[in-house]
Amino acid sequence: MTDRHPTSAFHAANTDPAVTGRLIAALDAQAANTGVRRLRAWARAGLAAASGERALDVGSGTGSETQVLAEDVGPDGSATGVDPHPGLRADAERRAAEAGSRARFVDGDALALPFPDAGLDVVRCERVLQHLSEPARAVAEIARVLRPGGRVALLDTDWTTFLLHPVDPAVLPALATVARGTAATPDAGRRLTQWLADAGLSVDRTGADVLLQDPRAVSRPIVHGLAGTALTRGLISEEQRDRLYADLTAAADRGAFHLSVTMFAAVAHRPG
């Protein structure tokens, strides 16, 4: 979503079509993660979007969860996904059309949602706040557009929970530093309830899930990305990088590899 200090390719300021395909692939891989699917189901149950309600998905990406909202609110309701990235919106629109979904998608900014005050029943926002340097402003915007009694679900990663094994203790701090640097607000997950309370919303439920990464699919590109950045920044040597790859490959081959990060969630409502 839009922010004055973009740190990721998901920002409106970083809309190079050349990287859109990689963004879509990353979102699809994340959506397939067992932990993500569990936490999404938990948030869906907490929101309990009902027929005829007006729902919003902030930072809708490929639109998969906007389609879920559209299914929940039915033909008498509305489900809108807001995303500043034109490539992601186009992909979301294509997927919704192919699925026969009533979900619609609009250009928008998490810090200035294009909706009137107190006009929505349900809002969800997943893995957006970590990319903003002013996430509390975005949560205040969500509170603004919610009607009294309206519900919101926030889901976000806490990159300070990054775990990797086996790895040389001298290398791990460098990789953790790079992991935290992928987000403007790396500890977003643990701060969800604070932002909701500060925005005048009442927290009803909290949850979390550990996102374990499959070394045969996602983990090796993640590790190579982190280690490559650490090397470029002079945080580790080429020898340390090569040893890391060798140790993790050997561990993965015998089922002893671990890579995880924790995602947190909170469901709240606007009193009144």
C-alpha atoms as a PDB file:
ATOM      1  CA  MET A   1       0.000   0.000   0.000  1.00  0.00           C
ATOM      2  CA  THR A   2       1.013   3.609  -0.403  1.00  0.00           C
ATOM      3  CA  ASP A   3       3.565   5.062   1.993  1.00  0.00           C
ATOM      4  CA  ARG A   4       6.069   7.871   1.850  1.00  0.00           C
ATOM      5  CA  HIS A   5       8.930   5.461   2.505  1.00  0.00           C
ATOM      6  CA  PRO A   6       8.326   2.360   0.357  1.00  0.00           C
ATOM      7  CA  THR A   7      10.318  -0.687   1.387  1.00  0.00           C
ATOM      8  CA  SER A   8       8.809  -3.392  -0.795  1.00  0.00           C
ATOM      9  CA  ALA A   9       7.745  -4.014  -4.361  1.00  0.00           C
ATOM     10  CA  PHE A  10       4.134  -4.158  -3.161  1.00  0.00           C
ATOM     11  CA  HIS A  11       4.079  -0.364  -2.734  1.00  0.00           C
ATOM     12  CA  ALA A  12       2.353   1.857  -5.284  1.00  0.00           C
ATOM     13  CA  ALA A  13       5.693   3.591  -5.738  1.00  0.00           C
ATOM     14  CA  ASN A  14       7.189   0.321  -6.980  1.00  0.00           C
ATOM     15  CA  THR A  15       4.915  -0.758  -9.813  1.00  0.00           C
ATOM     16  CA  ASP A  16       7.470  -1.966 -12.350  1.00  0.00           C
ATOM     17  CA  PRO A  17       5.592  -4.448 -14.578  1.00  0.00           C
ATOM     18  CA  ALA A  18       8.755  -6.532 -14.762  1.00  0.00           C
ATOM     19  CA  VAL A  19       8.366  -7.574 -11.127  1.00  0.00           C
ATOM     20  CA  THR A  20       4.581  -8.013 -11.065  1.00  0.00           C
ATOM     21  CA  GLY A  21       4.870 -11.674 -11.987  1.00  0.00           C
ATOM     22  CA  ARG A  22       7.225 -12.282  -9.070  1.00  0.00           C
ATOM     23  CA  LEU A  23       4.821 -10.529  -6.691  1.00  0.00           C
ATOM     24  CA  ILE A  24       1.929 -12.675  -7.874  1.00  0.00           C
ATOM     25  CA  ALA A  25       4.006 -15.847  -7.512  1.00  0.00           C
ATOM     26  CA  ALA A  26       5.032 -14.829  -3.993  1.00  0.00           C
ATOM     27  CA  LEU A  27       1.431 -14.140  -2.974  1.00  0.00           C
ATOM     28  CA  ASP A  28       0.278 -17.474  -4.406  1.00  0.00           C
ATOM     29  CA  ALA A  29       3.028 -19.310  -2.545  1.00  0.00           C
ATOM     30  CA  GLN A  30       2.098 -17.575   0.700  1.00  0.00           C
ATOM     31  CA  ALA A  31      -1.588 -18.349   0.185  1.00  0.00           C
ATOM     32  CA  ALA A  32      -0.722 -22.040  -0.104  1.00  0.00           C
ATOM     33  CA  ASN A  33       1.102 -22.061   3.258  1.00  0.00           C
ATOM     34  CA  THR A  34      -0.758 -24.177   5.808  1.00  0.00           C
ATOM     35  CA  GLY A  35      -0.308 -21.626   8.592  1.00  0.00           C
ATOM     36  CA  VAL A  36      -1.619 -18.784   6.429  1.00  0.00           C
ATOM     37  CA  ARG A  37      -4.667 -20.832   5.477  1.00  0.00           C
ATOM     38  CA  ARG A  38      -5.403 -21.677   9.105  1.00  0.00           C
ATOM     39  CA  LEU A  39      -5.117 -18.072  10.271  1.00  0.00           C
ATOM     40  CA  ARG A  40      -7.232 -16.829   7.374  1.00  0.00           C
ATOM     41  CA  ALA A  41      -9.952 -19.323   8.292  1.00  0.00           C
ATOM     42  CA  TRP A  42      -9.748 -18.189  11.925  1.00  0.00           C
ATOM     43  CA  ALA A  43     -10.121 -14.540  10.892  1.00  0.00           C
ATOM     44  CA  ARG A  44     -13.000 -15.365   8.546  1.00  0.00           C
ATOM     45  CA  ALA A  45     -14.875 -17.057  11.362  1.00  0.00           C
ATOM     46  CA  GLY A  46     -14.226 -14.096  13.660  1.00  0.00           C
ATOM     47  CA  LEU A  47     -15.445 -11.561  11.127  1.00  0.00           C
ATOM     48  CA  ALA A  48     -18.572 -13.602  10.362  1.00  0.00           C
ATOM     49  CA  ALA A  49     -19.444 -11.506   7.307  1.00  0.00           C
ATOM     50  CA  ALA A  50     -23.167 -11.965   6.665  1.00  0.00           C
ATOM     51  CA  SER A  51     -25.454 -11.772   3.667  1.00  0.00           C
ATOM     52  CA  GLY A  52     -26.117  -8.219   2.556  1.00  0.00           C
ATOM     53  CA  GLU A  53     -23.158  -6.653   4.359  1.00  0.00           C
ATOM     54  CA  ARG A  54     -20.598  -4.247   2.868  1.00  0.00           C
ATOM     55  CA  ALA A  55     -17.063  -5.643   3.076  1.00  0.00           C
ATOM     56  CA  LEU A  56     -13.614  -4.254   2.301  1.00  0.00           C
ATOM     57  CA  ASP A  57     -10.282  -6.018   1.784  1.00  0.00           C
ATOM     58  CA  VAL A  58      -7.410  -3.541   2.302  1.00  0.00           C
ATOM     59  CA  GLY A  59      -4.343  -4.529   0.292  1.00  0.00           C
ATOM     60  CA  SER A  60      -6.246  -7.138  -1.698  1.00  0.00           C
ATOM     61  CA  GLY A  61      -3.323  -8.370  -3.827  1.00  0.00           C
ATOM     62  CA  THR A  62      -4.515 -11.175  -6.122  1.00  0.00           C
ATOM     63  CA  GLY A  63      -8.015 -10.867  -4.662  1.00  0.00           C
ATOM     64  CA  SER A  64      -8.395 -14.395  -3.311  1.00  0.00           C
ATOM     65  CA  GLU A  65      -9.680 -13.233   0.078  1.00  0.00           C
ATOM     66  CA  THR A  66     -11.849 -10.540  -1.511  1.00  0.00           C
ATOM     67  CA  GLN A  67     -13.561 -13.355  -3.362  1.00  0.00           C
ATOM     68  CA  VAL A  68     -14.119 -15.105  -0.024  1.00  0.00           C
ATOM     69  CA  LEU A  69     -15.737 -11.955   1.349  1.00  0.00           C
ATOM     70  CA  ALA A  70     -17.935 -11.727  -1.760  1.00  0.00           C
ATOM     71  CA  GLU A  71     -19.084 -15.280  -1.180  1.00  0.00           C
ATOM     72  CA  ASP A  72     -19.886 -14.539   2.470  1.00  0.00           C
ATOM     73  CA  VAL A  73     -21.905 -11.357   1.840  1.00  0.00           C
ATOM     74  CA  GLY A  74     -23.792 -12.860  -1.097  1.00  0.00           C
ATOM     75  CA  PRO A  75     -25.528 -11.153  -4.008  1.00  0.00           C
ATOM     76  CA  ASP A  76     -27.202  -8.588  -1.754  1.00  0.00           C
ATOM     77  CA  GLY A  77     -23.891  -7.443  -0.254  1.00  0.00           C
ATOM     78  CA  SER A  78     -20.708  -5.944  -1.674  1.00  0.00           C
ATOM     79  CA  ALA A  79     -17.052  -6.935  -1.414  1.00  0.00           C
ATOM     80  CA  THR A  80     -14.374  -4.509  -2.577  1.00  0.00           C
ATOM     81  CA  GLY A  81     -10.630  -4.975  -2.694  1.00  0.00           C
ATOM     82  CA  VAL A  82      -8.409  -1.903  -2.451  1.00  0.00           C
ATOM     83  CA  ASP A  83      -4.849  -2.035  -3.773  1.00  0.00           C
ATOM     84  CA  PRO A  84      -2.551   0.649  -5.236  1.00  0.00           C
ATOM     85  CA  HIS A  85      -0.677  -1.779  -7.478  1.00  0.00           C
ATOM     86  CA  PRO A  86      -2.201  -1.795 -10.993  1.00  0.00           C
ATOM     87  CA  GLY A  87      -0.633  -5.121 -11.934  1.00  0.00           C
ATOM     88  CA  LEU A  88      -2.062  -6.869  -8.898  1.00  0.00           C
ATOM     89  CA  ARG A  89      -5.470  -5.269  -9.426  1.00  0.00           C
ATOM     90  CA  ALA A  90      -5.535  -6.447 -13.029  1.00  0.00           C
ATOM     91  CA  ASP A  91      -4.692  -9.980 -11.955  1.00  0.00           C
ATOM     92  CA  ALA A  92      -7.335  -9.860  -9.210  1.00  0.00           C
ATOM     93  CA  GLU A  93      -9.976  -8.673 -11.681  1.00  0.00           C
ATOM     94  CA  ARG A  94      -9.063 -11.438 -14.130  1.00  0.00           C
ATOM     95  CA  ARG A  95      -9.234 -14.126 -11.460  1.00  0.00           C
ATOM     96  CA  ALA A  96     -12.557 -12.859 -10.121  1.00  0.00           C
ATOM     97  CA  ALA A  97     -14.053 -12.819 -13.627  1.00  0.00           C
ATOM     98  CA  GLU A  98     -12.855 -16.361 -14.287  1.00  0.00           C
ATOM     99  CA  ALA A  99     -14.347 -17.523 -10.989  1.00  0.00           C
ATOM    100  CA  GLY A 100     -17.646 -15.736 -11.586  1.00  0.00           C
ATOM    101  CA  SER A 101     -17.090 -13.766  -8.375  1.00  0.00           C
ATOM    102  CA  ARG A 102     -18.892 -10.514  -7.558  1.00  0.00           C
ATOM    103  CA  ALA A 103     -15.723  -9.109  -5.945  1.00  0.00           C
ATOM    104  CA  ARG A 104     -14.630  -5.771  -7.375  1.00  0.00           C
ATOM    105  CA  PHE A 105     -11.310  -3.960  -7.128  1.00  0.00           C
ATOM    106  CA  VAL A 106     -10.407  -0.276  -6.915  1.00  0.00           C
ATOM    107  CA  ASP A 107      -7.269   1.817  -6.700  1.00  0.00           C
ATOM    108  CA  GLY A 108      -6.714   3.052  -3.177  1.00  0.00           C
ATOM    109  CA  ASP A 109      -4.377   3.955  -0.354  1.00  0.00           C
ATOM    110  CA  ALA A 110      -4.415   2.367   3.097  1.00  0.00           C
ATOM    111  CA  LEU A 111      -3.710   5.794   4.596  1.00  0.00           C
ATOM    112  CA  ALA A 112      -6.667   7.425   2.820  1.00  0.00           C
ATOM    113  CA  LEU A 113      -9.325   4.830   2.044  1.00  0.00           C
ATOM    114  CA  PRO A 114     -11.723   5.921  -0.730  1.00  0.00           C
ATOM    115  CA  PHE A 115     -14.851   5.319   1.373  1.00  0.00           C
ATOM    116  CA  PRO A 116     -17.125   7.557   3.469  1.00  0.00           C
ATOM    117  CA  ASP A 117     -17.245   7.543   7.256  1.00  0.00           C
ATOM    118  CA  ALA A 118     -19.071   4.658   8.979  1.00  0.00           C
ATOM    119  CA  GLY A 119     -20.123   3.052   5.706  1.00  0.00           C
ATOM    120  CA  LEU A 120     -18.765  -0.498   6.005  1.00  0.00           C
ATOM    121  CA  ASP A 121     -19.736  -3.557   8.019  1.00  0.00           C
ATOM    122  CA  VAL A 122     -16.585  -5.644   7.648  1.00  0.00           C
ATOM    123  CA  VAL A 123     -12.911  -4.855   6.911  1.00  0.00           C
ATOM    124  CA  ARG A 124      -9.952  -7.200   6.643  1.00  0.00           C
ATOM    125  CA  CYS A 125      -6.315  -6.180   6.206  1.00  0.00           C
ATOM    126  CA  GLU A 126      -3.618  -8.820   5.785  1.00  0.00           C
ATOM    127  CA  ARG A 127       0.164  -8.235   5.705  1.00  0.00           C
ATOM    128  CA  VAL A 128      -0.144  -4.572   4.772  1.00  0.00           C
ATOM    129  CA  LEU A 129       0.772  -2.798   7.996  1.00  0.00           C
ATOM    130  CA  GLN A 130       4.300  -4.232   8.036  1.00  0.00           C
ATOM    131  CA  HIS A 131       5.010  -2.328   4.818  1.00  0.00           C
ATOM    132  CA  LEU A 132       3.933   1.058   6.226  1.00  0.00           C
ATOM    133  CA  SER A 133       6.038   3.458   8.258  1.00  0.00           C
ATOM    134  CA  GLU A 134       2.803   4.859   9.751  1.00  0.00           C
ATOM    135  CA  PRO A 135       0.653   1.764  10.283  1.00  0.00           C
ATOM    136  CA  ALA A 136      -1.381   3.360  13.088  1.00  0.00           C
ATOM    137  CA  ARG A 137      -2.746   5.842  10.532  1.00  0.00           C
ATOM    138  CA  ALA A 138      -4.002   2.980   8.387  1.00  0.00           C
ATOM    139  CA  VAL A 139      -5.765   1.375  11.350  1.00  0.00           C
ATOM    140  CA  ALA A 140      -7.339   4.742  12.183  1.00  0.00           C
ATOM    141  CA  GLU A 141      -8.605   4.875   8.588  1.00  0.00           C
ATOM    142  CA  ILE A 142     -10.169   1.442   9.009  1.00  0.00           C
ATOM    143  CA  ALA A 143     -11.869   2.627  12.191  1.00  0.00           C
ATOM    144  CA  ARG A 144     -13.174   5.671  10.335  1.00  0.00           C
ATOM    145  CA  VAL A 145     -14.902   3.682   7.578  1.00  0.00           C
ATOM    146  CA  LEU A 146     -16.426   1.100   9.947  1.00  0.00           C
ATOM    147  CA  ARG A 147     -20.003   1.596  11.092  1.00  0.00           C
ATOM    148  CA  PRO A 148     -20.748   1.266  14.826  1.00  0.00           C
ATOM    149  CA  GLY A 149     -20.759  -2.470  15.468  1.00  0.00           C
ATOM    150  CA  GLY A 150     -18.678  -3.121  12.356  1.00  0.00           C
ATOM    151  CA  ARG A 151     -15.865  -5.702  12.555  1.00  0.00           C
ATOM    152  CA  VAL A 152     -12.255  -5.716  11.441  1.00  0.00           C
ATOM    153  CA  ALA A 153      -9.618  -8.444  11.173  1.00  0.00           C
ATOM    154  CA  LEU A 154      -5.935  -7.549  11.011  1.00  0.00           C
ATOM    155  CA  LEU A 155      -3.350 -10.193  10.099  1.00  0.00           C
ATOM    156  CA  ASP A 156       0.357  -9.437   9.965  1.00  0.00           C
ATOM    157  CA  THR A 157       3.811 -10.935  10.247  1.00  0.00           C
ATOM    158  CA  ASP A 158       6.287 -10.282  13.042  1.00  0.00           C
ATOM    159  CA  TRP A 159       9.694 -10.531  11.397  1.00  0.00           C
ATOM    160  CA  THR A 160      11.473 -10.438  14.753  1.00  0.00           C
ATOM    161  CA  THR A 161      10.269 -14.058  15.156  1.00  0.00           C
ATOM    162  CA  PHE A 162      12.387 -15.221  12.191  1.00  0.00           C
ATOM    163  CA  LEU A 163      13.958 -18.635  12.911  1.00  0.00           C
ATOM    164  CA  LEU A 164      16.380 -20.626  10.780  1.00  0.00           C
ATOM    165  CA  HIS A 165      18.185 -23.903  11.605  1.00  0.00           C
ATOM    166  CA  PRO A 166      20.866 -25.135  11.233  1.00  0.00           C
ATOM    167  CA  VAL A 167      22.980 -22.029  10.846  1.00  0.00           C
ATOM    168  CA  ASP A 168      26.304 -20.778  12.165  1.00  0.00           C
ATOM    169  CA  PRO A 169      25.602 -18.572  15.241  1.00  0.00           C
ATOM    170  CA  ALA A 170      27.918 -15.967  13.720  1.00  0.00           C
ATOM    171  CA  VAL A 171      25.736 -15.759  10.589  1.00  0.00           C
ATOM    172  CA  LEU A 172      22.241 -15.866  12.067  1.00  0.00           C
ATOM    173  CA  PRO A 173      22.204 -12.253  13.369  1.00  0.00           C
ATOM    174  CA  ALA A 174      23.050 -10.970   9.892  1.00  0.00           C
ATOM    175  CA  LEU A 175      20.232 -12.976   8.297  1.00  0.00           C
ATOM    176  CA  ALA A 176      17.786 -11.844  10.999  1.00  0.00           C
ATOM    177  CA  THR A 177      18.784  -8.228  10.378  1.00  0.00           C
ATOM    178  CA  VAL A 178      18.105  -8.608   6.661  1.00  0.00           C
ATOM    179  CA  ALA A 179      14.766 -10.331   7.362  1.00  0.00           C
ATOM    180  CA  ARG A 180      13.666  -7.478   9.609  1.00  0.00           C
ATOM    181  CA  GLY A 181      14.758  -4.996   6.961  1.00  0.00           C
ATOM    182  CA  THR A 182      12.228  -6.375   4.461  1.00  0.00           C
ATOM    183  CA  ALA A 183       9.510  -4.425   6.292  1.00  0.00           C
ATOM    184  CA  ALA A 184       9.096  -0.809   7.360  1.00  0.00           C
ATOM    185  CA  THR A 185       7.513  -2.046  10.598  1.00  0.00           C
ATOM    186  CA  PRO A 186       9.001  -5.509  11.147  1.00  0.00           C
ATOM    187  CA  ASP A 187       7.241  -6.117  14.496  1.00  0.00           C
ATOM    188  CA  ALA A 188       3.786  -5.317  13.098  1.00  0.00           C
ATOM    189  CA  GLY A 189       2.290  -8.616  14.229  1.00  0.00           C
ATOM    190  CA  ARG A 190       2.719  -8.008  17.935  1.00  0.00           C
ATOM    191  CA  ARG A 191       1.401  -4.436  17.696  1.00  0.00           C
ATOM    192  CA  LEU A 192      -2.001  -5.149  16.144  1.00  0.00           C
ATOM    193  CA  THR A 193      -3.956  -4.939  19.377  1.00  0.00           C
ATOM    194  CA  GLN A 194      -2.196  -1.709  20.345  1.00  0.00           C
ATOM    195  CA  TRP A 195      -3.141  -0.038  17.062  1.00  0.00           C
ATOM    196  CA  LEU A 196      -6.733  -1.261  17.291  1.00  0.00           C
ATOM    197  CA  ALA A 197      -7.120   0.032  20.841  1.00  0.00           C
ATOM    198  CA  ASP A 198      -5.508   3.366  19.966  1.00  0.00           C
ATOM    199  CA  ALA A 199      -8.019   3.730  17.112  1.00  0.00           C
ATOM    200  CA  GLY A 200     -10.924   3.336  19.554  1.00  0.00           C
ATOM    201  CA  LEU A 201     -11.798  -0.222  18.548  1.00  0.00           C
ATOM    202  CA  SER A 202     -12.588  -3.045  20.981  1.00  0.00           C
ATOM    203  CA  VAL A 203     -10.485  -6.186  20.547  1.00  0.00           C
ATOM    204  CA  ASP A 204     -12.593  -9.367  20.611  1.00  0.00           C
ATOM    205  CA  ARG A 205     -10.169 -12.158  19.660  1.00  0.00           C
ATOM    206  CA  THR A 206      -6.471 -12.650  19.078  1.00  0.00           C
ATOM    207  CA  GLY A 207      -4.690 -15.474  17.309  1.00  0.00           C
ATOM    208  CA  ALA A 208      -1.389 -16.550  15.806  1.00  0.00           C
ATOM    209  CA  ASP A 209       0.148 -19.239  13.652  1.00  0.00           C
ATOM    210  CA  VAL A 210       3.717 -20.249  12.882  1.00  0.00           C
ATOM    211  CA  LEU A 211       4.390 -20.182   9.154  1.00  0.00           C
ATOM    212  CA  LEU A 212       6.642 -23.164   8.594  1.00  0.00           C
ATOM    213  CA  GLN A 213       8.376 -23.097   5.216  1.00  0.00           C
ATOM    214  CA  ASP A 214       8.782 -26.199   3.077  1.00  0.00           C
ATOM    215  CA  PRO A 215      12.455 -26.476   2.047  1.00  0.00           C
ATOM    216  CA  ARG A 216      11.437 -28.208  -1.188  1.00  0.00           C
ATOM    217  CA  ALA A 217       9.385 -25.232  -2.370  1.00  0.00           C
ATOM    218  CA  VAL A 218       9.706 -21.795  -0.797  1.00  0.00           C
ATOM    219  CA  SER A 219      12.542 -21.887   1.695  1.00  0.00           C
ATOM    220  CA  ARG A 220      15.600 -22.125  -0.502  1.00  0.00           C
ATOM    221  CA  PRO A 221      14.749 -18.986  -2.536  1.00  0.00           C
ATOM    222  CA  ILE A 222      14.083 -17.167   0.740  1.00  0.00           C
ATOM    223  CA  VAL A 223      17.404 -18.238   2.184  1.00  0.00           C
ATOM    224  CA  HIS A 224      19.269 -17.342  -0.998  1.00  0.00           C
ATOM    225  CA  GLY A 225      17.630 -13.923  -1.018  1.00  0.00           C
ATOM    226  CA  LEU A 226      18.513 -13.223   2.612  1.00  0.00           C
ATOM    227  CA  ALA A 227      22.061 -14.512   2.301  1.00  0.00           C
ATOM    228  CA  GLY A 228      22.650 -12.680  -0.966  1.00  0.00           C
ATOM    229  CA  THR A 229      21.567  -9.395   0.578  1.00  0.00           C
ATOM    230  CA  ALA A 230      23.673 -10.029   3.682  1.00  0.00           C
ATOM    231  CA  LEU A 231      26.694 -10.659   1.456  1.00  0.00           C
ATOM    232  CA  THR A 232      26.077  -7.516  -0.591  1.00  0.00           C
ATOM    233  CA  ARG A 233      25.896  -5.459   2.587  1.00  0.00           C
ATOM    234  CA  GLY A 234      29.137  -6.954   3.880  1.00  0.00           C
ATOM    235  CA  LEU A 235      27.410  -8.652   6.814  1.00  0.00           C
ATOM    236  CA  ILE A 236      28.750 -12.098   5.899  1.00  0.00           C
ATOM    237  CA  SER A 237      31.567 -13.439   3.749  1.00  0.00           C
ATOM    238  CA  GLU A 238      31.302 -15.587   0.621  1.00  0.00           C
ATOM    239  CA  GLU A 239      32.712 -18.491   2.615  1.00  0.00           C
ATOM    240  CA  GLN A 240      29.997 -18.093   5.252  1.00  0.00           C
ATOM    241  CA  ARG A 241      27.320 -17.884   2.559  1.00  0.00           C
ATOM    242  CA  ASP A 242      28.534 -21.039   0.821  1.00  0.00           C
ATOM    243  CA  ARG A 243      28.770 -22.918   4.122  1.00  0.00           C
ATOM    244  CA  LEU A 244      25.222 -21.797   4.984  1.00  0.00           C
ATOM    245  CA  TYR A 245      23.878 -23.149   1.693  1.00  0.00           C
ATOM    246  CA  ALA A 246      25.718 -26.432   2.116  1.00  0.00           C
ATOM    247  CA  ASP A 247      24.572 -26.932   5.718  1.00  0.00           C
ATOM    248  CA  LEU A 248      20.937 -26.113   4.954  1.00  0.00           C
ATOM    249  CA  THR A 249      20.875 -28.278   1.836  1.00  0.00           C
ATOM    250  CA  ALA A 250      22.248 -31.223   3.792  1.00  0.00           C
ATOM    251  CA  ALA A 251      19.722 -30.612   6.567  1.00  0.00           C
ATOM    252  CA  ALA A 252      16.830 -30.389   4.109  1.00  0.00           C
ATOM    253  CA  ASP A 253      17.876 -33.637   2.447  1.00  0.00           C
ATOM    254  CA  ARG A 254      17.603 -35.479   5.760  1.00  0.00           C
ATOM    255  CA  GLY A 255      14.531 -33.685   7.092  1.00  0.00           C
ATOM    256  CA  ALA A 256      16.363 -31.541   9.650  1.00  0.00           C
ATOM    257  CA  PHE A 257      15.698 -28.094   8.130  1.00  0.00           C
ATOM    258  CA  HIS A 258      13.652 -25.378   9.881  1.00  0.00           C
ATOM    259  CA  LEU A 259      12.588 -21.949   8.642  1.00  0.00           C
ATOM    260  CA  SER A 260       9.650 -20.117  10.159  1.00  0.00           C
ATOM    261  CA  VAL A 261       8.144 -16.770  11.054  1.00  0.00           C
ATOM    262  CA  THR A 262       5.045 -16.074  13.146  1.00  0.00           C
ATOM    263  CA  MET A 263       1.947 -14.281  11.871  1.00  0.00           C
ATOM    264  CA  PHE A 264      -0.505 -12.741  14.325  1.00  0.00           C
ATOM    265  CA  ALA A 265      -4.150 -11.745  13.968  1.00  0.00           C
ATOM    266  CA  ALA A 266      -6.763  -9.774  15.861  1.00  0.00           C
ATOM    267  CA  VAL A 267     -10.505  -9.299  15.379  1.00  0.00           C
ATOM    268  CA  ALA A 268     -12.123  -6.166  16.792  1.00  0.00           C
ATOM    269  CA  HIS A 269     -15.286  -4.094  16.473  1.00  0.00           C
ATOM    270  CA  ARG A 270     -16.228  -0.443  16.553  1.00  0.00           C
ATOM    271  CA  PRO A 271     -18.272   0.270  19.685  1.00  0.00           C
ATOM    272  CA  GLY A 272     -21.501   2.180  19.540  1.00  0.00           C
END
